[in-house]
Amino acid sequence: MVASEVMERNLGETENIIINQLRKNCLQEAMGCEAKSEFKLYKGTEMNESDIFASAVEESEFCVRLCCSQCHPYTMVVKEESSGDEIVTLDRPFACAAAGCKCCCYQNMTVSSGGQKLGKITEDCYYCVPSFT
């Protein structure tokens, strides 16, 4: 596993990261609109504007987010705030949403940086409580 230079620069010595999902505006909330998820990433244990080092926006189609909100496919590129360079990319294909019992059609996500695959997060077979490896 080899991290990109940008990933190493931003996360190499970091002990704590806070990921904050930005709120939708009032009109989107009232209409039940499925907007793209947006996130800000902070270094440390507090959410100070000066500690923001990266941001991410979900890339997916509106109709898919609206019709399949819990299981829609998306790609999310976490970008360095100062330069816009990619730190890490998360890619999740379409898969069935979590349920009380699941023995097939597992959710998974590929994690990459600088074009190199770093790993994969996969949902396991479970009963009652979802589990990921």
N, C-alpha and C. Protein backbone atom coordinates (compact mmCIF):
# COMPACT_ATOMS: atom_id res chain seq x y z
N MET A 1 0.85 -1.17 0.00
CA MET A 1 0.00 0.00 0.00
C MET A 1 0.90 1.24 0.00
N VAL A 2 0.75 2.07 -1.01
CA VAL A 2 1.54 3.28 -1.14
C VAL A 2 0.61 4.48 -1.18
N ALA A 3 0.78 5.41 -0.26
CA ALA A 3 -0.04 6.61 -0.22
C ALA A 3 0.53 7.64 -1.18
N SER A 4 -0.35 8.49 -1.70
CA SER A 4 0.12 9.57 -2.57
C SER A 4 0.86 10.61 -1.73
N GLU A 5 1.62 11.43 -2.41
CA GLU A 5 2.37 12.50 -1.73
C GLU A 5 1.43 13.46 -1.02
N VAL A 6 0.31 13.77 -1.65
CA VAL A 6 -0.67 14.69 -1.06
C VAL A 6 -1.30 14.06 0.19
N MET A 7 -1.60 12.77 0.12
CA MET A 7 -2.16 12.08 1.28
C MET A 7 -1.17 12.07 2.43
N GLU A 8 0.07 11.75 2.14
CA GLU A 8 1.11 11.72 3.17
C GLU A 8 1.30 13.10 3.79
N ARG A 9 1.29 14.13 2.96
CA ARG A 9 1.48 15.50 3.45
C ARG A 9 0.36 15.93 4.39
N ASN A 10 -0.87 15.51 4.11
CA ASN A 10 -2.02 15.93 4.91
C ASN A 10 -2.33 15.03 6.09
N LEU A 11 -2.02 13.75 5.97
CA LEU A 11 -2.42 12.80 7.02
C LEU A 11 -1.27 12.11 7.72
N GLY A 12 -0.04 12.32 7.29
CA GLY A 12 1.12 11.62 7.81
C GLY A 12 1.26 11.64 9.31
N GLU A 13 1.19 12.78 9.94
CA GLU A 13 1.38 12.92 11.39
C GLU A 13 0.08 13.24 12.11
N THR A 14 -1.04 13.13 11.45
CA THR A 14 -2.32 13.51 12.02
C THR A 14 -2.87 12.42 12.93
N GLU A 15 -3.24 12.81 14.15
CA GLU A 15 -3.80 11.85 15.11
C GLU A 15 -5.32 11.88 15.13
N ASN A 16 -5.92 13.05 14.92
CA ASN A 16 -7.38 13.19 14.98
C ASN A 16 -7.89 13.96 13.78
N ILE A 17 -9.00 13.48 13.24
CA ILE A 17 -9.68 14.15 12.13
C ILE A 17 -11.16 14.22 12.48
N ILE A 18 -11.76 15.37 12.24
CA ILE A 18 -13.20 15.52 12.38
C ILE A 18 -13.77 15.69 10.98
N ILE A 19 -14.77 14.90 10.64
CA ILE A 19 -15.45 15.02 9.35
C ILE A 19 -16.84 15.57 9.63
N ASN A 20 -17.13 16.74 9.07
CA ASN A 20 -18.39 17.42 9.32
C ASN A 20 -19.20 17.49 8.02
N GLN A 21 -20.40 16.89 8.04
CA GLN A 21 -21.26 16.98 6.87
C GLN A 21 -21.99 18.31 6.92
N LEU A 22 -21.91 19.08 5.82
CA LEU A 22 -22.55 20.38 5.77
C LEU A 22 -24.06 20.22 5.63
N ARG A 23 -24.77 21.13 6.26
CA ARG A 23 -26.23 21.08 6.21
C ARG A 23 -26.74 21.57 4.87
N LYS A 24 -27.86 21.02 4.45
CA LYS A 24 -28.54 21.49 3.25
C LYS A 24 -29.24 22.80 3.60
N ASN A 25 -29.59 23.58 2.58
CA ASN A 25 -30.32 24.81 2.88
C ASN A 25 -31.78 24.51 3.17
N CYS A 26 -32.49 25.47 3.72
CA CYS A 26 -33.88 25.28 4.18
C CYS A 26 -34.80 24.80 3.06
N LEU A 27 -34.65 25.33 1.86
CA LEU A 27 -35.51 24.95 0.75
C LEU A 27 -35.30 23.48 0.40
N GLN A 28 -34.06 23.03 0.35
CA GLN A 28 -33.78 21.62 0.06
C GLN A 28 -34.38 20.72 1.14
N GLU A 29 -34.25 21.11 2.40
CA GLU A 29 -34.80 20.33 3.51
C GLU A 29 -36.33 20.26 3.41
N ALA A 30 -36.98 21.40 3.16
CA ALA A 30 -38.45 21.45 3.11
C ALA A 30 -39.00 20.64 1.95
N MET A 31 -38.30 20.63 0.82
CA MET A 31 -38.78 19.93 -0.37
C MET A 31 -38.38 18.45 -0.35
N GLY A 32 -37.55 18.04 0.61
CA GLY A 32 -37.10 16.66 0.65
C GLY A 32 -36.14 16.34 -0.48
N CYS A 33 -35.45 17.36 -0.98
CA CYS A 33 -34.55 17.21 -2.12
C CYS A 33 -33.28 16.47 -1.70
N GLU A 34 -32.86 15.52 -2.51
CA GLU A 34 -31.64 14.76 -2.25
C GLU A 34 -30.46 15.49 -2.90
N ALA A 35 -29.85 16.41 -2.17
CA ALA A 35 -28.70 17.15 -2.67
C ALA A 35 -27.43 16.33 -2.48
N LYS A 36 -26.39 16.70 -3.21
CA LYS A 36 -25.10 16.03 -3.05
C LYS A 36 -24.59 16.28 -1.63
N SER A 37 -24.05 15.26 -0.99
CA SER A 37 -23.49 15.41 0.34
C SER A 37 -22.15 16.15 0.23
N GLU A 38 -21.96 17.11 1.14
CA GLU A 38 -20.71 17.87 1.18
C GLU A 38 -20.11 17.76 2.57
N PHE A 39 -18.77 17.66 2.62
CA PHE A 39 -18.07 17.48 3.89
C PHE A 39 -16.88 18.42 3.99
N LYS A 40 -16.56 18.82 5.21
CA LYS A 40 -15.33 19.54 5.52
C LYS A 40 -14.55 18.66 6.49
N LEU A 41 -13.23 18.58 6.31
CA LEU A 41 -12.38 17.77 7.18
C LEU A 41 -11.46 18.69 7.96
N TYR A 42 -11.40 18.46 9.28
CA TYR A 42 -10.61 19.28 10.19
C TYR A 42 -9.53 18.43 10.84
N LYS A 43 -8.35 19.01 11.03
CA LYS A 43 -7.30 18.34 11.80
C LYS A 43 -7.49 18.74 13.25
N GLY A 44 -7.31 17.78 14.16
CA GLY A 44 -7.42 18.08 15.58
C GLY A 44 -8.73 17.61 16.16
N THR A 45 -9.08 18.18 17.30
CA THR A 45 -10.28 17.74 18.02
C THR A 45 -11.36 18.80 18.08
N GLU A 46 -11.17 19.94 17.39
CA GLU A 46 -12.18 21.00 17.35
C GLU A 46 -12.39 21.45 15.92
N MET A 47 -13.56 22.02 15.66
CA MET A 47 -13.89 22.46 14.31
C MET A 47 -13.64 23.97 14.17
N ASN A 48 -12.38 24.35 14.11
CA ASN A 48 -12.00 25.74 13.87
C ASN A 48 -11.77 25.93 12.37
N GLU A 49 -12.20 27.07 11.83
CA GLU A 49 -12.02 27.34 10.40
C GLU A 49 -10.56 27.18 9.98
N SER A 50 -9.63 27.55 10.86
CA SER A 50 -8.20 27.47 10.52
C SER A 50 -7.70 26.02 10.45
N ASP A 51 -8.48 25.07 10.98
CA ASP A 51 -8.07 23.66 10.98
C ASP A 51 -8.60 22.87 9.80
N ILE A 52 -9.38 23.52 8.91
CA ILE A 52 -9.89 22.82 7.72
C ILE A 52 -8.72 22.52 6.79
N PHE A 53 -8.55 21.26 6.43
CA PHE A 53 -7.47 20.91 5.51
C PHE A 53 -7.97 20.27 4.22
N ALA A 54 -9.26 19.85 4.21
CA ALA A 54 -9.78 19.19 3.02
C ALA A 54 -11.30 19.33 2.95
N SER A 55 -11.83 19.09 1.76
CA SER A 55 -13.28 19.07 1.57
C SER A 55 -13.61 17.97 0.57
N ALA A 56 -14.86 17.57 0.56
CA ALA A 56 -15.31 16.52 -0.34
C ALA A 56 -16.76 16.76 -0.74
N VAL A 57 -17.08 16.44 -1.97
CA VAL A 57 -18.45 16.53 -2.48
C VAL A 57 -18.77 15.22 -3.18
N GLU A 58 -19.92 14.67 -2.84
CA GLU A 58 -20.37 13.42 -3.47
C GLU A 58 -20.68 13.68 -4.94
N GLU A 59 -20.20 12.80 -5.80
CA GLU A 59 -20.51 12.88 -7.23
C GLU A 59 -21.45 11.73 -7.58
N SER A 60 -22.71 12.09 -7.85
CA SER A 60 -23.71 11.10 -8.22
C SER A 60 -24.84 11.80 -8.95
N GLU A 61 -25.67 11.03 -9.61
CA GLU A 61 -26.78 11.58 -10.38
C GLU A 61 -27.98 11.88 -9.48
N PHE A 62 -28.68 12.98 -9.75
CA PHE A 62 -29.80 13.41 -8.94
C PHE A 62 -30.90 12.34 -8.86
N CYS A 63 -31.30 11.80 -10.00
CA CYS A 63 -32.40 10.81 -10.01
C CYS A 63 -32.05 9.58 -9.18
N VAL A 64 -30.81 9.16 -9.24
CA VAL A 64 -30.39 7.99 -8.48
C VAL A 64 -30.42 8.31 -6.98
N ARG A 65 -29.94 9.52 -6.60
CA ARG A 65 -29.99 9.92 -5.18
C ARG A 65 -31.43 9.99 -4.69
N LEU A 66 -32.33 10.48 -5.54
CA LEU A 66 -33.73 10.63 -5.17
C LEU A 66 -34.43 9.28 -5.03
N CYS A 67 -34.24 8.38 -5.99
CA CYS A 67 -34.95 7.10 -6.01
C CYS A 67 -34.28 6.01 -5.15
N CYS A 68 -32.98 6.08 -4.99
CA CYS A 68 -32.24 5.03 -4.28
C CYS A 68 -31.33 5.66 -3.23
N SER A 69 -31.88 6.48 -2.37
CA SER A 69 -31.05 7.28 -1.47
C SER A 69 -30.12 6.47 -0.57
N GLN A 70 -30.54 5.31 -0.10
CA GLN A 70 -29.71 4.52 0.81
C GLN A 70 -28.70 3.61 0.12
N CYS A 71 -28.86 3.42 -1.19
CA CYS A 71 -27.99 2.44 -1.85
C CYS A 71 -27.40 2.96 -3.16
N HIS A 72 -27.51 4.26 -3.41
CA HIS A 72 -27.05 4.79 -4.70
C HIS A 72 -25.52 4.75 -4.84
N PRO A 73 -25.07 4.60 -6.08
CA PRO A 73 -23.61 4.61 -6.31
C PRO A 73 -23.09 6.04 -6.27
N TYR A 74 -21.86 6.21 -5.82
CA TYR A 74 -21.25 7.54 -5.85
C TYR A 74 -19.73 7.43 -5.81
N THR A 75 -19.12 8.52 -6.20
CA THR A 75 -17.68 8.69 -6.06
C THR A 75 -17.48 9.96 -5.26
N MET A 76 -16.57 9.91 -4.30
CA MET A 76 -16.27 11.10 -3.51
C MET A 76 -14.76 11.29 -3.50
N VAL A 77 -14.33 12.46 -3.96
CA VAL A 77 -12.91 12.78 -3.98
C VAL A 77 -12.66 13.78 -2.85
N VAL A 78 -11.83 13.39 -1.90
CA VAL A 78 -11.43 14.28 -0.80
C VAL A 78 -10.25 15.08 -1.33
N LYS A 79 -10.42 16.43 -1.36
CA LYS A 79 -9.41 17.29 -1.95
C LYS A 79 -8.80 18.22 -0.91
N GLU A 80 -7.51 18.45 -1.08
CA GLU A 80 -6.78 19.38 -0.23
C GLU A 80 -7.40 20.77 -0.40
N GLU A 81 -7.68 21.43 0.69
CA GLU A 81 -8.35 22.73 0.65
C GLU A 81 -7.52 23.78 -0.07
N SER A 82 -6.22 23.82 0.19
CA SER A 82 -5.38 24.89 -0.37
C SER A 82 -5.09 24.73 -1.86
N SER A 83 -4.90 23.51 -2.33
CA SER A 83 -4.50 23.31 -3.72
C SER A 83 -5.56 22.63 -4.60
N GLY A 84 -6.52 21.95 -3.99
CA GLY A 84 -7.51 21.20 -4.75
C GLY A 84 -7.01 19.85 -5.21
N ASP A 85 -5.82 19.45 -4.75
CA ASP A 85 -5.26 18.14 -5.12
C ASP A 85 -5.99 17.02 -4.38
N GLU A 86 -6.11 15.86 -5.04
CA GLU A 86 -6.76 14.70 -4.46
C GLU A 86 -5.94 14.13 -3.29
N ILE A 87 -6.60 13.90 -2.16
CA ILE A 87 -5.99 13.21 -1.04
C ILE A 87 -6.36 11.74 -1.11
N VAL A 88 -7.66 11.49 -1.21
CA VAL A 88 -8.16 10.11 -1.30
C VAL A 88 -9.47 10.13 -2.08
N THR A 89 -9.75 9.03 -2.79
CA THR A 89 -11.00 8.89 -3.54
C THR A 89 -11.74 7.67 -3.01
N LEU A 90 -13.04 7.84 -2.78
CA LEU A 90 -13.91 6.76 -2.31
C LEU A 90 -14.91 6.47 -3.42
N ASP A 91 -15.02 5.21 -3.81
CA ASP A 91 -15.92 4.83 -4.89
C ASP A 91 -16.83 3.70 -4.41
N ARG A 92 -18.14 3.98 -4.40
CA ARG A 92 -19.10 2.98 -3.95
C ARG A 92 -20.08 2.66 -5.08
N PRO A 93 -20.11 1.42 -5.54
CA PRO A 93 -21.09 1.03 -6.56
C PRO A 93 -22.48 0.82 -5.93
N PHE A 94 -23.48 0.69 -6.77
CA PHE A 94 -24.84 0.43 -6.29
C PHE A 94 -24.88 -0.90 -5.54
N ALA A 95 -25.58 -0.91 -4.40
CA ALA A 95 -25.78 -2.14 -3.63
C ALA A 95 -27.01 -1.97 -2.75
N CYS A 96 -27.61 -3.07 -2.35
CA CYS A 96 -28.79 -3.03 -1.50
C CYS A 96 -28.46 -2.37 -0.17
N ALA A 97 -29.43 -1.65 0.37
CA ALA A 97 -29.24 -0.97 1.65
C ALA A 97 -29.21 -1.98 2.80
N ALA A 98 -28.73 -1.51 3.94
CA ALA A 98 -28.69 -2.35 5.14
C ALA A 98 -30.10 -2.80 5.51
N ALA A 99 -30.20 -4.00 6.05
CA ALA A 99 -31.50 -4.56 6.46
C ALA A 99 -31.27 -5.41 7.72
N GLY A 100 -32.34 -5.97 8.26
CA GLY A 100 -32.24 -6.77 9.48
C GLY A 100 -31.41 -8.03 9.32
N CYS A 101 -31.42 -8.59 8.13
CA CYS A 101 -30.65 -9.80 7.84
C CYS A 101 -30.18 -9.68 6.41
N LYS A 102 -28.92 -9.95 6.17
CA LYS A 102 -28.42 -9.79 4.81
C LYS A 102 -27.38 -10.85 4.51
N CYS A 103 -27.62 -11.61 3.44
CA CYS A 103 -26.68 -12.67 3.09
C CYS A 103 -26.17 -12.54 1.65
N CYS A 104 -26.52 -11.44 0.96
CA CYS A 104 -26.03 -11.22 -0.40
C CYS A 104 -26.12 -9.74 -0.75
N CYS A 105 -25.64 -9.37 -1.93
CA CYS A 105 -25.70 -7.99 -2.43
C CYS A 105 -25.10 -7.00 -1.43
N TYR A 106 -23.88 -7.29 -1.00
CA TYR A 106 -23.23 -6.49 0.03
C TYR A 106 -22.76 -5.14 -0.49
N GLN A 107 -22.80 -4.15 0.39
CA GLN A 107 -22.23 -2.84 0.07
C GLN A 107 -20.71 -2.95 0.14
N ASN A 108 -20.04 -2.20 -0.73
CA ASN A 108 -18.58 -2.15 -0.65
C ASN A 108 -18.11 -0.80 -1.18
N MET A 109 -16.90 -0.45 -0.83
CA MET A 109 -16.32 0.83 -1.24
C MET A 109 -14.83 0.62 -1.49
N THR A 110 -14.35 1.14 -2.60
CA THR A 110 -12.93 1.08 -2.92
C THR A 110 -12.29 2.40 -2.52
N VAL A 111 -11.15 2.33 -1.85
CA VAL A 111 -10.41 3.51 -1.41
C VAL A 111 -9.12 3.58 -2.20
N SER A 112 -8.87 4.74 -2.84
CA SER A 112 -7.65 4.90 -3.62
C SER A 112 -7.06 6.29 -3.39
N SER A 113 -5.80 6.43 -3.75
CA SER A 113 -5.10 7.71 -3.63
C SER A 113 -4.05 7.78 -4.72
N GLY A 114 -4.04 8.87 -5.46
CA GLY A 114 -3.06 9.02 -6.53
C GLY A 114 -3.18 7.96 -7.60
N GLY A 115 -4.39 7.44 -7.81
CA GLY A 115 -4.61 6.42 -8.82
C GLY A 115 -4.29 5.00 -8.38
N GLN A 116 -3.79 4.84 -7.15
CA GLN A 116 -3.46 3.50 -6.65
C GLN A 116 -4.49 3.06 -5.62
N LYS A 117 -4.96 1.83 -5.76
CA LYS A 117 -5.92 1.27 -4.81
C LYS A 117 -5.24 1.05 -3.47
N LEU A 118 -5.84 1.61 -2.41
CA LEU A 118 -5.31 1.43 -1.06
C LEU A 118 -6.00 0.30 -0.32
N GLY A 119 -7.26 0.07 -0.65
CA GLY A 119 -7.99 -0.98 0.03
C GLY A 119 -9.46 -0.95 -0.32
N LYS A 120 -10.22 -1.77 0.40
CA LYS A 120 -11.65 -1.91 0.14
C LYS A 120 -12.37 -2.12 1.46
N ILE A 121 -13.53 -1.53 1.58
CA ILE A 121 -14.39 -1.72 2.74
C ILE A 121 -15.57 -2.55 2.25
N THR A 122 -15.84 -3.68 2.92
CA THR A 122 -16.88 -4.60 2.47
C THR A 122 -17.81 -4.97 3.60
N GLU A 123 -19.10 -4.96 3.30
CA GLU A 123 -20.12 -5.39 4.26
C GLU A 123 -20.08 -6.91 4.35
N ASP A 124 -20.15 -7.44 5.57
CA ASP A 124 -20.15 -8.88 5.79
C ASP A 124 -21.58 -9.39 5.95
N CYS A 125 -21.74 -10.71 5.83
CA CYS A 125 -23.02 -11.35 6.11
C CYS A 125 -23.33 -11.13 7.60
N TYR A 126 -24.57 -10.75 7.90
CA TYR A 126 -24.91 -10.48 9.30
C TYR A 126 -26.38 -10.73 9.58
N TYR A 127 -26.69 -10.80 10.85
CA TYR A 127 -28.06 -10.91 11.34
C TYR A 127 -28.22 -9.82 12.39
N CYS A 128 -29.14 -8.90 12.17
CA CYS A 128 -29.50 -7.80 13.08
C CYS A 128 -28.54 -6.62 13.06
N VAL A 129 -27.24 -6.81 13.25
CA VAL A 129 -26.30 -5.69 13.34
C VAL A 129 -25.32 -5.72 12.17
N PRO A 130 -25.35 -4.68 11.28
CA PRO A 130 -24.43 -4.65 10.15
C PRO A 130 -22.98 -4.67 10.61
N SER A 131 -22.12 -5.27 9.78
CA SER A 131 -20.70 -5.38 10.09
C SER A 131 -19.90 -5.16 8.81
N PHE A 132 -18.79 -4.42 8.94
CA PHE A 132 -17.94 -4.11 7.78
C PHE A 132 -16.50 -4.50 8.09
N THR A 133 -15.76 -4.95 7.04
CA THR A 133 -14.34 -5.24 7.18
C THR A 133 -13.57 -4.48 6.13
